[in-house]
Amino acid sequence: LVSMDKLTVNNFHNVQILRPLINI
């Protein structure tokens, strides 16, 4: 339910997923 956070904690091959617009 809360999977779309600003930063994906579990990175994939050392690449993190960042969503800097998630509160816009």
PDBML (XML) file of the C-alpha atoms, coordinates in Angstrom:
<?xml version="1.0" encoding="UTF-8" ?>
<PDBx:datablock datablockName="MODEL"
   xmlns:PDBx="http://pdbml.pdb.org/schema/pdbx-v50.xsd"
   xmlns:xsi="http://www.w3.org/2001/XMLSchema-instance"
   xsi:schemaLocation="http://pdbml.pdb.org/schema/pdbx-v50.xsd pdbx-v50.xsd">
   <PDBx:atom_siteCategory>
      <PDBx:atom_site id="1">
         <PDBx:B_iso_or_equiv>0.00</PDBx:B_iso_or_equiv>
         <PDBx:Cartn_x>0.000</PDBx:Cartn_x>
         <PDBx:Cartn_y>0.000</PDBx:Cartn_y>
         <PDBx:Cartn_z>0.000</PDBx:Cartn_z>
         <PDBx:auth_asym_id>A</PDBx:auth_asym_id>
         <PDBx:auth_atom_id>CA</PDBx:auth_atom_id>
         <PDBx:auth_comp_id>LEU</PDBx:auth_comp_id>
         <PDBx:auth_seq_id>1</PDBx:auth_seq_id>
         <PDBx:group_PDB>ATOM</PDBx:group_PDB>
         <PDBx:label_alt_id xsi:nil="true" />
         <PDBx:label_asym_id>A</PDBx:label_asym_id>
         <PDBx:label_atom_id>CA</PDBx:label_atom_id>
         <PDBx:label_comp_id>LEU</PDBx:label_comp_id>
         <PDBx:label_entity_id>1</PDBx:label_entity_id>
         <PDBx:label_seq_id>1</PDBx:label_seq_id>
         <PDBx:occupancy>1.00</PDBx:occupancy>
         <PDBx:pdbx_PDB_model_num>1</PDBx:pdbx_PDB_model_num>
         <PDBx:type_symbol>C</PDBx:type_symbol>
      </PDBx:atom_site>
      <PDBx:atom_site id="2">
         <PDBx:B_iso_or_equiv>0.00</PDBx:B_iso_or_equiv>
         <PDBx:Cartn_x>2.890</PDBx:Cartn_x>
         <PDBx:Cartn_y>2.384</PDBx:Cartn_y>
         <PDBx:Cartn_z>0.700</PDBx:Cartn_z>
         <PDBx:auth_asym_id>A</PDBx:auth_asym_id>
         <PDBx:auth_atom_id>CA</PDBx:auth_atom_id>
         <PDBx:auth_comp_id>VAL</PDBx:auth_comp_id>
         <PDBx:auth_seq_id>2</PDBx:auth_seq_id>
         <PDBx:group_PDB>ATOM</PDBx:group_PDB>
         <PDBx:label_alt_id xsi:nil="true" />
         <PDBx:label_asym_id>A</PDBx:label_asym_id>
         <PDBx:label_atom_id>CA</PDBx:label_atom_id>
         <PDBx:label_comp_id>VAL</PDBx:label_comp_id>
         <PDBx:label_entity_id>1</PDBx:label_entity_id>
         <PDBx:label_seq_id>2</PDBx:label_seq_id>
         <PDBx:occupancy>1.00</PDBx:occupancy>
         <PDBx:pdbx_PDB_model_num>1</PDBx:pdbx_PDB_model_num>
         <PDBx:type_symbol>C</PDBx:type_symbol>
      </PDBx:atom_site>
      <PDBx:atom_site id="3">
         <PDBx:B_iso_or_equiv>0.00</PDBx:B_iso_or_equiv>
         <PDBx:Cartn_x>5.253</PDBx:Cartn_x>
         <PDBx:Cartn_y>1.035</PDBx:Cartn_y>
         <PDBx:Cartn_z>-1.971</PDBx:Cartn_z>
         <PDBx:auth_asym_id>A</PDBx:auth_asym_id>
         <PDBx:auth_atom_id>CA</PDBx:auth_atom_id>
         <PDBx:auth_comp_id>SER</PDBx:auth_comp_id>
         <PDBx:auth_seq_id>3</PDBx:auth_seq_id>
         <PDBx:group_PDB>ATOM</PDBx:group_PDB>
         <PDBx:label_alt_id xsi:nil="true" />
         <PDBx:label_asym_id>A</PDBx:label_asym_id>
         <PDBx:label_atom_id>CA</PDBx:label_atom_id>
         <PDBx:label_comp_id>SER</PDBx:label_comp_id>
         <PDBx:label_entity_id>1</PDBx:label_entity_id>
         <PDBx:label_seq_id>3</PDBx:label_seq_id>
         <PDBx:occupancy>1.00</PDBx:occupancy>
         <PDBx:pdbx_PDB_model_num>1</PDBx:pdbx_PDB_model_num>
         <PDBx:type_symbol>C</PDBx:type_symbol>
      </PDBx:atom_site>
      <PDBx:atom_site id="4">
         <PDBx:B_iso_or_equiv>0.00</PDBx:B_iso_or_equiv>
         <PDBx:Cartn_x>5.561</PDBx:Cartn_x>
         <PDBx:Cartn_y>4.319</PDBx:Cartn_y>
         <PDBx:Cartn_z>-3.866</PDBx:Cartn_z>
         <PDBx:auth_asym_id>A</PDBx:auth_asym_id>
         <PDBx:auth_atom_id>CA</PDBx:auth_atom_id>
         <PDBx:auth_comp_id>MET</PDBx:auth_comp_id>
         <PDBx:auth_seq_id>4</PDBx:auth_seq_id>
         <PDBx:group_PDB>ATOM</PDBx:group_PDB>
         <PDBx:label_alt_id xsi:nil="true" />
         <PDBx:label_asym_id>A</PDBx:label_asym_id>
         <PDBx:label_atom_id>CA</PDBx:label_atom_id>
         <PDBx:label_comp_id>MET</PDBx:label_comp_id>
         <PDBx:label_entity_id>1</PDBx:label_entity_id>
         <PDBx:label_seq_id>4</PDBx:label_seq_id>
         <PDBx:occupancy>1.00</PDBx:occupancy>
         <PDBx:pdbx_PDB_model_num>1</PDBx:pdbx_PDB_model_num>
         <PDBx:type_symbol>C</PDBx:type_symbol>
      </PDBx:atom_site>
      <PDBx:atom_site id="5">
         <PDBx:B_iso_or_equiv>0.00</PDBx:B_iso_or_equiv>
         <PDBx:Cartn_x>7.804</PDBx:Cartn_x>
         <PDBx:Cartn_y>6.174</PDBx:Cartn_y>
         <PDBx:Cartn_z>-1.428</PDBx:Cartn_z>
         <PDBx:auth_asym_id>A</PDBx:auth_asym_id>
         <PDBx:auth_atom_id>CA</PDBx:auth_atom_id>
         <PDBx:auth_comp_id>ASP</PDBx:auth_comp_id>
         <PDBx:auth_seq_id>5</PDBx:auth_seq_id>
         <PDBx:group_PDB>ATOM</PDBx:group_PDB>
         <PDBx:label_alt_id xsi:nil="true" />
         <PDBx:label_asym_id>A</PDBx:label_asym_id>
         <PDBx:label_atom_id>CA</PDBx:label_atom_id>
         <PDBx:label_comp_id>ASP</PDBx:label_comp_id>
         <PDBx:label_entity_id>1</PDBx:label_entity_id>
         <PDBx:label_seq_id>5</PDBx:label_seq_id>
         <PDBx:occupancy>1.00</PDBx:occupancy>
         <PDBx:pdbx_PDB_model_num>1</PDBx:pdbx_PDB_model_num>
         <PDBx:type_symbol>C</PDBx:type_symbol>
      </PDBx:atom_site>
      <PDBx:atom_site id="6">
         <PDBx:B_iso_or_equiv>0.00</PDBx:B_iso_or_equiv>
         <PDBx:Cartn_x>10.249</PDBx:Cartn_x>
         <PDBx:Cartn_y>8.958</PDBx:Cartn_y>
         <PDBx:Cartn_z>-2.298</PDBx:Cartn_z>
         <PDBx:auth_asym_id>A</PDBx:auth_asym_id>
         <PDBx:auth_atom_id>CA</PDBx:auth_atom_id>
         <PDBx:auth_comp_id>LYS</PDBx:auth_comp_id>
         <PDBx:auth_seq_id>6</PDBx:auth_seq_id>
         <PDBx:group_PDB>ATOM</PDBx:group_PDB>
         <PDBx:label_alt_id xsi:nil="true" />
         <PDBx:label_asym_id>A</PDBx:label_asym_id>
         <PDBx:label_atom_id>CA</PDBx:label_atom_id>
         <PDBx:label_comp_id>LYS</PDBx:label_comp_id>
         <PDBx:label_entity_id>1</PDBx:label_entity_id>
         <PDBx:label_seq_id>6</PDBx:label_seq_id>
         <PDBx:occupancy>1.00</PDBx:occupancy>
         <PDBx:pdbx_PDB_model_num>1</PDBx:pdbx_PDB_model_num>
         <PDBx:type_symbol>C</PDBx:type_symbol>
      </PDBx:atom_site>
      <PDBx:atom_site id="7">
         <PDBx:B_iso_or_equiv>0.00</PDBx:B_iso_or_equiv>
         <PDBx:Cartn_x>13.231</PDBx:Cartn_x>
         <PDBx:Cartn_y>6.606</PDBx:Cartn_y>
         <PDBx:Cartn_z>-2.116</PDBx:Cartn_z>
         <PDBx:auth_asym_id>A</PDBx:auth_asym_id>
         <PDBx:auth_atom_id>CA</PDBx:auth_atom_id>
         <PDBx:auth_comp_id>LEU</PDBx:auth_comp_id>
         <PDBx:auth_seq_id>7</PDBx:auth_seq_id>
         <PDBx:group_PDB>ATOM</PDBx:group_PDB>
         <PDBx:label_alt_id xsi:nil="true" />
         <PDBx:label_asym_id>A</PDBx:label_asym_id>
         <PDBx:label_atom_id>CA</PDBx:label_atom_id>
         <PDBx:label_comp_id>LEU</PDBx:label_comp_id>
         <PDBx:label_entity_id>1</PDBx:label_entity_id>
         <PDBx:label_seq_id>7</PDBx:label_seq_id>
         <PDBx:occupancy>1.00</PDBx:occupancy>
         <PDBx:pdbx_PDB_model_num>1</PDBx:pdbx_PDB_model_num>
         <PDBx:type_symbol>C</PDBx:type_symbol>
      </PDBx:atom_site>
      <PDBx:atom_site id="8">
         <PDBx:B_iso_or_equiv>0.00</PDBx:B_iso_or_equiv>
         <PDBx:Cartn_x>13.204</PDBx:Cartn_x>
         <PDBx:Cartn_y>2.899</PDBx:Cartn_y>
         <PDBx:Cartn_z>-2.843</PDBx:Cartn_z>
         <PDBx:auth_asym_id>A</PDBx:auth_asym_id>
         <PDBx:auth_atom_id>CA</PDBx:auth_atom_id>
         <PDBx:auth_comp_id>THR</PDBx:auth_comp_id>
         <PDBx:auth_seq_id>8</PDBx:auth_seq_id>
         <PDBx:group_PDB>ATOM</PDBx:group_PDB>
         <PDBx:label_alt_id xsi:nil="true" />
         <PDBx:label_asym_id>A</PDBx:label_asym_id>
         <PDBx:label_atom_id>CA</PDBx:label_atom_id>
         <PDBx:label_comp_id>THR</PDBx:label_comp_id>
         <PDBx:label_entity_id>1</PDBx:label_entity_id>
         <PDBx:label_seq_id>8</PDBx:label_seq_id>
         <PDBx:occupancy>1.00</PDBx:occupancy>
         <PDBx:pdbx_PDB_model_num>1</PDBx:pdbx_PDB_model_num>
         <PDBx:type_symbol>C</PDBx:type_symbol>
      </PDBx:atom_site>
      <PDBx:atom_site id="9">
         <PDBx:B_iso_or_equiv>0.00</PDBx:B_iso_or_equiv>
         <PDBx:Cartn_x>15.070</PDBx:Cartn_x>
         <PDBx:Cartn_y>1.454</PDBx:Cartn_y>
         <PDBx:Cartn_z>0.126</PDBx:Cartn_z>
         <PDBx:auth_asym_id>A</PDBx:auth_asym_id>
         <PDBx:auth_atom_id>CA</PDBx:auth_atom_id>
         <PDBx:auth_comp_id>VAL</PDBx:auth_comp_id>
         <PDBx:auth_seq_id>9</PDBx:auth_seq_id>
         <PDBx:group_PDB>ATOM</PDBx:group_PDB>
         <PDBx:label_alt_id xsi:nil="true" />
         <PDBx:label_asym_id>A</PDBx:label_asym_id>
         <PDBx:label_atom_id>CA</PDBx:label_atom_id>
         <PDBx:label_comp_id>VAL</PDBx:label_comp_id>
         <PDBx:label_entity_id>1</PDBx:label_entity_id>
         <PDBx:label_seq_id>9</PDBx:label_seq_id>
         <PDBx:occupancy>1.00</PDBx:occupancy>
         <PDBx:pdbx_PDB_model_num>1</PDBx:pdbx_PDB_model_num>
         <PDBx:type_symbol>C</PDBx:type_symbol>
      </PDBx:atom_site>
      <PDBx:atom_site id="10">
         <PDBx:B_iso_or_equiv>0.00</PDBx:B_iso_or_equiv>
         <PDBx:Cartn_x>15.975</PDBx:Cartn_x>
         <PDBx:Cartn_y>-1.865</PDBx:Cartn_y>
         <PDBx:Cartn_z>-1.500</PDBx:Cartn_z>
         <PDBx:auth_asym_id>A</PDBx:auth_asym_id>
         <PDBx:auth_atom_id>CA</PDBx:auth_atom_id>
         <PDBx:auth_comp_id>ASN</PDBx:auth_comp_id>
         <PDBx:auth_seq_id>10</PDBx:auth_seq_id>
         <PDBx:group_PDB>ATOM</PDBx:group_PDB>
         <PDBx:label_alt_id xsi:nil="true" />
         <PDBx:label_asym_id>A</PDBx:label_asym_id>
         <PDBx:label_atom_id>CA</PDBx:label_atom_id>
         <PDBx:label_comp_id>ASN</PDBx:label_comp_id>
         <PDBx:label_entity_id>1</PDBx:label_entity_id>
         <PDBx:label_seq_id>10</PDBx:label_seq_id>
         <PDBx:occupancy>1.00</PDBx:occupancy>
         <PDBx:pdbx_PDB_model_num>1</PDBx:pdbx_PDB_model_num>
         <PDBx:type_symbol>C</PDBx:type_symbol>
      </PDBx:atom_site>
      <PDBx:atom_site id="11">
         <PDBx:B_iso_or_equiv>0.00</PDBx:B_iso_or_equiv>
         <PDBx:Cartn_x>18.245</PDBx:Cartn_x>
         <PDBx:Cartn_y>-0.847</PDBx:Cartn_y>
         <PDBx:Cartn_z>-4.339</PDBx:Cartn_z>
         <PDBx:auth_asym_id>A</PDBx:auth_asym_id>
         <PDBx:auth_atom_id>CA</PDBx:auth_atom_id>
         <PDBx:auth_comp_id>ASN</PDBx:auth_comp_id>
         <PDBx:auth_seq_id>11</PDBx:auth_seq_id>
         <PDBx:group_PDB>ATOM</PDBx:group_PDB>
         <PDBx:label_alt_id xsi:nil="true" />
         <PDBx:label_asym_id>A</PDBx:label_asym_id>
         <PDBx:label_atom_id>CA</PDBx:label_atom_id>
         <PDBx:label_comp_id>ASN</PDBx:label_comp_id>
         <PDBx:label_entity_id>1</PDBx:label_entity_id>
         <PDBx:label_seq_id>11</PDBx:label_seq_id>
         <PDBx:occupancy>1.00</PDBx:occupancy>
         <PDBx:pdbx_PDB_model_num>1</PDBx:pdbx_PDB_model_num>
         <PDBx:type_symbol>C</PDBx:type_symbol>
      </PDBx:atom_site>
      <PDBx:atom_site id="12">
         <PDBx:B_iso_or_equiv>0.00</PDBx:B_iso_or_equiv>
         <PDBx:Cartn_x>18.712</PDBx:Cartn_x>
         <PDBx:Cartn_y>-2.911</PDBx:Cartn_y>
         <PDBx:Cartn_z>-7.483</PDBx:Cartn_z>
         <PDBx:auth_asym_id>A</PDBx:auth_asym_id>
         <PDBx:auth_atom_id>CA</PDBx:auth_atom_id>
         <PDBx:auth_comp_id>PHE</PDBx:auth_comp_id>
         <PDBx:auth_seq_id>12</PDBx:auth_seq_id>
         <PDBx:group_PDB>ATOM</PDBx:group_PDB>
         <PDBx:label_alt_id xsi:nil="true" />
         <PDBx:label_asym_id>A</PDBx:label_asym_id>
         <PDBx:label_atom_id>CA</PDBx:label_atom_id>
         <PDBx:label_comp_id>PHE</PDBx:label_comp_id>
         <PDBx:label_entity_id>1</PDBx:label_entity_id>
         <PDBx:label_seq_id>12</PDBx:label_seq_id>
         <PDBx:occupancy>1.00</PDBx:occupancy>
         <PDBx:pdbx_PDB_model_num>1</PDBx:pdbx_PDB_model_num>
         <PDBx:type_symbol>C</PDBx:type_symbol>
      </PDBx:atom_site>
      <PDBx:atom_site id="13">
         <PDBx:B_iso_or_equiv>0.00</PDBx:B_iso_or_equiv>
         <PDBx:Cartn_x>22.301</PDBx:Cartn_x>
         <PDBx:Cartn_y>-3.595</PDBx:Cartn_y>
         <PDBx:Cartn_z>-8.525</PDBx:Cartn_z>
         <PDBx:auth_asym_id>A</PDBx:auth_asym_id>
         <PDBx:auth_atom_id>CA</PDBx:auth_atom_id>
         <PDBx:auth_comp_id>HIS</PDBx:auth_comp_id>
         <PDBx:auth_seq_id>13</PDBx:auth_seq_id>
         <PDBx:group_PDB>ATOM</PDBx:group_PDB>
         <PDBx:label_alt_id xsi:nil="true" />
         <PDBx:label_asym_id>A</PDBx:label_asym_id>
         <PDBx:label_atom_id>CA</PDBx:label_atom_id>
         <PDBx:label_comp_id>HIS</PDBx:label_comp_id>
         <PDBx:label_entity_id>1</PDBx:label_entity_id>
         <PDBx:label_seq_id>13</PDBx:label_seq_id>
         <PDBx:occupancy>1.00</PDBx:occupancy>
         <PDBx:pdbx_PDB_model_num>1</PDBx:pdbx_PDB_model_num>
         <PDBx:type_symbol>C</PDBx:type_symbol>
      </PDBx:atom_site>
      <PDBx:atom_site id="14">
         <PDBx:B_iso_or_equiv>0.00</PDBx:B_iso_or_equiv>
         <PDBx:Cartn_x>23.390</PDBx:Cartn_x>
         <PDBx:Cartn_y>-0.618</PDBx:Cartn_y>
         <PDBx:Cartn_z>-6.390</PDBx:Cartn_z>
         <PDBx:auth_asym_id>A</PDBx:auth_asym_id>
         <PDBx:auth_atom_id>CA</PDBx:auth_atom_id>
         <PDBx:auth_comp_id>ASN</PDBx:auth_comp_id>
         <PDBx:auth_seq_id>14</PDBx:auth_seq_id>
         <PDBx:group_PDB>ATOM</PDBx:group_PDB>
         <PDBx:label_alt_id xsi:nil="true" />
         <PDBx:label_asym_id>A</PDBx:label_asym_id>
         <PDBx:label_atom_id>CA</PDBx:label_atom_id>
         <PDBx:label_comp_id>ASN</PDBx:label_comp_id>
         <PDBx:label_entity_id>1</PDBx:label_entity_id>
         <PDBx:label_seq_id>14</PDBx:label_seq_id>
         <PDBx:occupancy>1.00</PDBx:occupancy>
         <PDBx:pdbx_PDB_model_num>1</PDBx:pdbx_PDB_model_num>
         <PDBx:type_symbol>C</PDBx:type_symbol>
      </PDBx:atom_site>
      <PDBx:atom_site id="15">
         <PDBx:B_iso_or_equiv>0.00</PDBx:B_iso_or_equiv>
         <PDBx:Cartn_x>21.056</PDBx:Cartn_x>
         <PDBx:Cartn_y>1.771</PDBx:Cartn_y>
         <PDBx:Cartn_z>-8.220</PDBx:Cartn_z>
         <PDBx:auth_asym_id>A</PDBx:auth_asym_id>
         <PDBx:auth_atom_id>CA</PDBx:auth_atom_id>
         <PDBx:auth_comp_id>VAL</PDBx:auth_comp_id>
         <PDBx:auth_seq_id>15</PDBx:auth_seq_id>
         <PDBx:group_PDB>ATOM</PDBx:group_PDB>
         <PDBx:label_alt_id xsi:nil="true" />
         <PDBx:label_asym_id>A</PDBx:label_asym_id>
         <PDBx:label_atom_id>CA</PDBx:label_atom_id>
         <PDBx:label_comp_id>VAL</PDBx:label_comp_id>
         <PDBx:label_entity_id>1</PDBx:label_entity_id>
         <PDBx:label_seq_id>15</PDBx:label_seq_id>
         <PDBx:occupancy>1.00</PDBx:occupancy>
         <PDBx:pdbx_PDB_model_num>1</PDBx:pdbx_PDB_model_num>
         <PDBx:type_symbol>C</PDBx:type_symbol>
      </PDBx:atom_site>
      <PDBx:atom_site id="16">
         <PDBx:B_iso_or_equiv>0.00</PDBx:B_iso_or_equiv>
         <PDBx:Cartn_x>18.497</PDBx:Cartn_x>
         <PDBx:Cartn_y>3.503</PDBx:Cartn_y>
         <PDBx:Cartn_z>-6.023</PDBx:Cartn_z>
         <PDBx:auth_asym_id>A</PDBx:auth_asym_id>
         <PDBx:auth_atom_id>CA</PDBx:auth_atom_id>
         <PDBx:auth_comp_id>GLN</PDBx:auth_comp_id>
         <PDBx:auth_seq_id>16</PDBx:auth_seq_id>
         <PDBx:group_PDB>ATOM</PDBx:group_PDB>
         <PDBx:label_alt_id xsi:nil="true" />
         <PDBx:label_asym_id>A</PDBx:label_asym_id>
         <PDBx:label_atom_id>CA</PDBx:label_atom_id>
         <PDBx:label_comp_id>GLN</PDBx:label_comp_id>
         <PDBx:label_entity_id>1</PDBx:label_entity_id>
         <PDBx:label_seq_id>16</PDBx:label_seq_id>
         <PDBx:occupancy>1.00</PDBx:occupancy>
         <PDBx:pdbx_PDB_model_num>1</PDBx:pdbx_PDB_model_num>
         <PDBx:type_symbol>C</PDBx:type_symbol>
      </PDBx:atom_site>
      <PDBx:atom_site id="17">
         <PDBx:B_iso_or_equiv>0.00</PDBx:B_iso_or_equiv>
         <PDBx:Cartn_x>15.147</PDBx:Cartn_x>
         <PDBx:Cartn_y>4.734</PDBx:Cartn_y>
         <PDBx:Cartn_z>-7.300</PDBx:Cartn_z>
         <PDBx:auth_asym_id>A</PDBx:auth_asym_id>
         <PDBx:auth_atom_id>CA</PDBx:auth_atom_id>
         <PDBx:auth_comp_id>ILE</PDBx:auth_comp_id>
         <PDBx:auth_seq_id>17</PDBx:auth_seq_id>
         <PDBx:group_PDB>ATOM</PDBx:group_PDB>
         <PDBx:label_alt_id xsi:nil="true" />
         <PDBx:label_asym_id>A</PDBx:label_asym_id>
         <PDBx:label_atom_id>CA</PDBx:label_atom_id>
         <PDBx:label_comp_id>ILE</PDBx:label_comp_id>
         <PDBx:label_entity_id>1</PDBx:label_entity_id>
         <PDBx:label_seq_id>17</PDBx:label_seq_id>
         <PDBx:occupancy>1.00</PDBx:occupancy>
         <PDBx:pdbx_PDB_model_num>1</PDBx:pdbx_PDB_model_num>
         <PDBx:type_symbol>C</PDBx:type_symbol>
      </PDBx:atom_site>
      <PDBx:atom_site id="18">
         <PDBx:B_iso_or_equiv>0.00</PDBx:B_iso_or_equiv>
         <PDBx:Cartn_x>14.401</PDBx:Cartn_x>
         <PDBx:Cartn_y>8.336</PDBx:Cartn_y>
         <PDBx:Cartn_z>-6.278</PDBx:Cartn_z>
         <PDBx:auth_asym_id>A</PDBx:auth_asym_id>
         <PDBx:auth_atom_id>CA</PDBx:auth_atom_id>
         <PDBx:auth_comp_id>LEU</PDBx:auth_comp_id>
         <PDBx:auth_seq_id>18</PDBx:auth_seq_id>
         <PDBx:group_PDB>ATOM</PDBx:group_PDB>
         <PDBx:label_alt_id xsi:nil="true" />
         <PDBx:label_asym_id>A</PDBx:label_asym_id>
         <PDBx:label_atom_id>CA</PDBx:label_atom_id>
         <PDBx:label_comp_id>LEU</PDBx:label_comp_id>
         <PDBx:label_entity_id>1</PDBx:label_entity_id>
         <PDBx:label_seq_id>18</PDBx:label_seq_id>
         <PDBx:occupancy>1.00</PDBx:occupancy>
         <PDBx:pdbx_PDB_model_num>1</PDBx:pdbx_PDB_model_num>
         <PDBx:type_symbol>C</PDBx:type_symbol>
      </PDBx:atom_site>
      <PDBx:atom_site id="19">
         <PDBx:B_iso_or_equiv>0.00</PDBx:B_iso_or_equiv>
         <PDBx:Cartn_x>11.073</PDBx:Cartn_x>
         <PDBx:Cartn_y>10.099</PDBx:Cartn_y>
         <PDBx:Cartn_z>-6.837</PDBx:Cartn_z>
         <PDBx:auth_asym_id>A</PDBx:auth_asym_id>
         <PDBx:auth_atom_id>CA</PDBx:auth_atom_id>
         <PDBx:auth_comp_id>ARG</PDBx:auth_comp_id>
         <PDBx:auth_seq_id>19</PDBx:auth_seq_id>
         <PDBx:group_PDB>ATOM</PDBx:group_PDB>
         <PDBx:label_alt_id xsi:nil="true" />
         <PDBx:label_asym_id>A</PDBx:label_asym_id>
         <PDBx:label_atom_id>CA</PDBx:label_atom_id>
         <PDBx:label_comp_id>ARG</PDBx:label_comp_id>
         <PDBx:label_entity_id>1</PDBx:label_entity_id>
         <PDBx:label_seq_id>19</PDBx:label_seq_id>
         <PDBx:occupancy>1.00</PDBx:occupancy>
         <PDBx:pdbx_PDB_model_num>1</PDBx:pdbx_PDB_model_num>
         <PDBx:type_symbol>C</PDBx:type_symbol>
      </PDBx:atom_site>
      <PDBx:atom_site id="20">
         <PDBx:B_iso_or_equiv>0.00</PDBx:B_iso_or_equiv>
         <PDBx:Cartn_x>11.800</PDBx:Cartn_x>
         <PDBx:Cartn_y>13.785</PDBx:Cartn_y>
         <PDBx:Cartn_z>-6.063</PDBx:Cartn_z>
         <PDBx:auth_asym_id>A</PDBx:auth_asym_id>
         <PDBx:auth_atom_id>CA</PDBx:auth_atom_id>
         <PDBx:auth_comp_id>PRO</PDBx:auth_comp_id>
         <PDBx:auth_seq_id>20</PDBx:auth_seq_id>
         <PDBx:group_PDB>ATOM</PDBx:group_PDB>
         <PDBx:label_alt_id xsi:nil="true" />
         <PDBx:label_asym_id>A</PDBx:label_asym_id>
         <PDBx:label_atom_id>CA</PDBx:label_atom_id>
         <PDBx:label_comp_id>PRO</PDBx:label_comp_id>
         <PDBx:label_entity_id>1</PDBx:label_entity_id>
         <PDBx:label_seq_id>20</PDBx:label_seq_id>
         <PDBx:occupancy>1.00</PDBx:occupancy>
         <PDBx:pdbx_PDB_model_num>1</PDBx:pdbx_PDB_model_num>
         <PDBx:type_symbol>C</PDBx:type_symbol>
      </PDBx:atom_site>
      <PDBx:atom_site id="21">
         <PDBx:B_iso_or_equiv>0.00</PDBx:B_iso_or_equiv>
         <PDBx:Cartn_x>8.358</PDBx:Cartn_x>
         <PDBx:Cartn_y>14.903</PDBx:Cartn_y>
         <PDBx:Cartn_z>-7.320</PDBx:Cartn_z>
         <PDBx:auth_asym_id>A</PDBx:auth_asym_id>
         <PDBx:auth_atom_id>CA</PDBx:auth_atom_id>
         <PDBx:auth_comp_id>LEU</PDBx:auth_comp_id>
         <PDBx:auth_seq_id>21</PDBx:auth_seq_id>
         <PDBx:group_PDB>ATOM</PDBx:group_PDB>
         <PDBx:label_alt_id xsi:nil="true" />
         <PDBx:label_asym_id>A</PDBx:label_asym_id>
         <PDBx:label_atom_id>CA</PDBx:label_atom_id>
         <PDBx:label_comp_id>LEU</PDBx:label_comp_id>
         <PDBx:label_entity_id>1</PDBx:label_entity_id>
         <PDBx:label_seq_id>21</PDBx:label_seq_id>
         <PDBx:occupancy>1.00</PDBx:occupancy>
         <PDBx:pdbx_PDB_model_num>1</PDBx:pdbx_PDB_model_num>
         <PDBx:type_symbol>C</PDBx:type_symbol>
      </PDBx:atom_site>
      <PDBx:atom_site id="22">
         <PDBx:B_iso_or_equiv>0.00</PDBx:B_iso_or_equiv>
         <PDBx:Cartn_x>6.306</PDBx:Cartn_x>
         <PDBx:Cartn_y>12.475</PDBx:Cartn_y>
         <PDBx:Cartn_z>-5.217</PDBx:Cartn_z>
         <PDBx:auth_asym_id>A</PDBx:auth_asym_id>
         <PDBx:auth_atom_id>CA</PDBx:auth_atom_id>
         <PDBx:auth_comp_id>ILE</PDBx:auth_comp_id>
         <PDBx:auth_seq_id>22</PDBx:auth_seq_id>
         <PDBx:group_PDB>ATOM</PDBx:group_PDB>
         <PDBx:label_alt_id xsi:nil="true" />
         <PDBx:label_asym_id>A</PDBx:label_asym_id>
         <PDBx:label_atom_id>CA</PDBx:label_atom_id>
         <PDBx:label_comp_id>ILE</PDBx:label_comp_id>
         <PDBx:label_entity_id>1</PDBx:label_entity_id>
         <PDBx:label_seq_id>22</PDBx:label_seq_id>
         <PDBx:occupancy>1.00</PDBx:occupancy>
         <PDBx:pdbx_PDB_model_num>1</PDBx:pdbx_PDB_model_num>
         <PDBx:type_symbol>C</PDBx:type_symbol>
      </PDBx:atom_site>
      <PDBx:atom_site id="23">
         <PDBx:B_iso_or_equiv>0.00</PDBx:B_iso_or_equiv>
         <PDBx:Cartn_x>4.812</PDBx:Cartn_x>
         <PDBx:Cartn_y>15.263</PDBx:Cartn_y>
         <PDBx:Cartn_z>-3.058</PDBx:Cartn_z>
         <PDBx:auth_asym_id>A</PDBx:auth_asym_id>
         <PDBx:auth_atom_id>CA</PDBx:auth_atom_id>
         <PDBx:auth_comp_id>ASN</PDBx:auth_comp_id>
         <PDBx:auth_seq_id>23</PDBx:auth_seq_id>
         <PDBx:group_PDB>ATOM</PDBx:group_PDB>
         <PDBx:label_alt_id xsi:nil="true" />
         <PDBx:label_asym_id>A</PDBx:label_asym_id>
         <PDBx:label_atom_id>CA</PDBx:label_atom_id>
         <PDBx:label_comp_id>ASN</PDBx:label_comp_id>
         <PDBx:label_entity_id>1</PDBx:label_entity_id>
         <PDBx:label_seq_id>23</PDBx:label_seq_id>
         <PDBx:occupancy>1.00</PDBx:occupancy>
         <PDBx:pdbx_PDB_model_num>1</PDBx:pdbx_PDB_model_num>
         <PDBx:type_symbol>C</PDBx:type_symbol>
      </PDBx:atom_site>
      <PDBx:atom_site id="24">
         <PDBx:B_iso_or_equiv>0.00</PDBx:B_iso_or_equiv>
         <PDBx:Cartn_x>4.098</PDBx:Cartn_x>
         <PDBx:Cartn_y>17.609</PDBx:Cartn_y>
         <PDBx:Cartn_z>-5.988</PDBx:Cartn_z>
         <PDBx:auth_asym_id>A</PDBx:auth_asym_id>
         <PDBx:auth_atom_id>CA</PDBx:auth_atom_id>
         <PDBx:auth_comp_id>ILE</PDBx:auth_comp_id>
         <PDBx:auth_seq_id>24</PDBx:auth_seq_id>
         <PDBx:group_PDB>ATOM</PDBx:group_PDB>
         <PDBx:label_alt_id xsi:nil="true" />
         <PDBx:label_asym_id>A</PDBx:label_asym_id>
         <PDBx:label_atom_id>CA</PDBx:label_atom_id>
         <PDBx:label_comp_id>ILE</PDBx:label_comp_id>
         <PDBx:label_entity_id>1</PDBx:label_entity_id>
         <PDBx:label_seq_id>24</PDBx:label_seq_id>
         <PDBx:occupancy>1.00</PDBx:occupancy>
         <PDBx:pdbx_PDB_model_num>1</PDBx:pdbx_PDB_model_num>
         <PDBx:type_symbol>C</PDBx:type_symbol>
      </PDBx:atom_site>
   </PDBx:atom_siteCategory>
</PDBx:datablock>
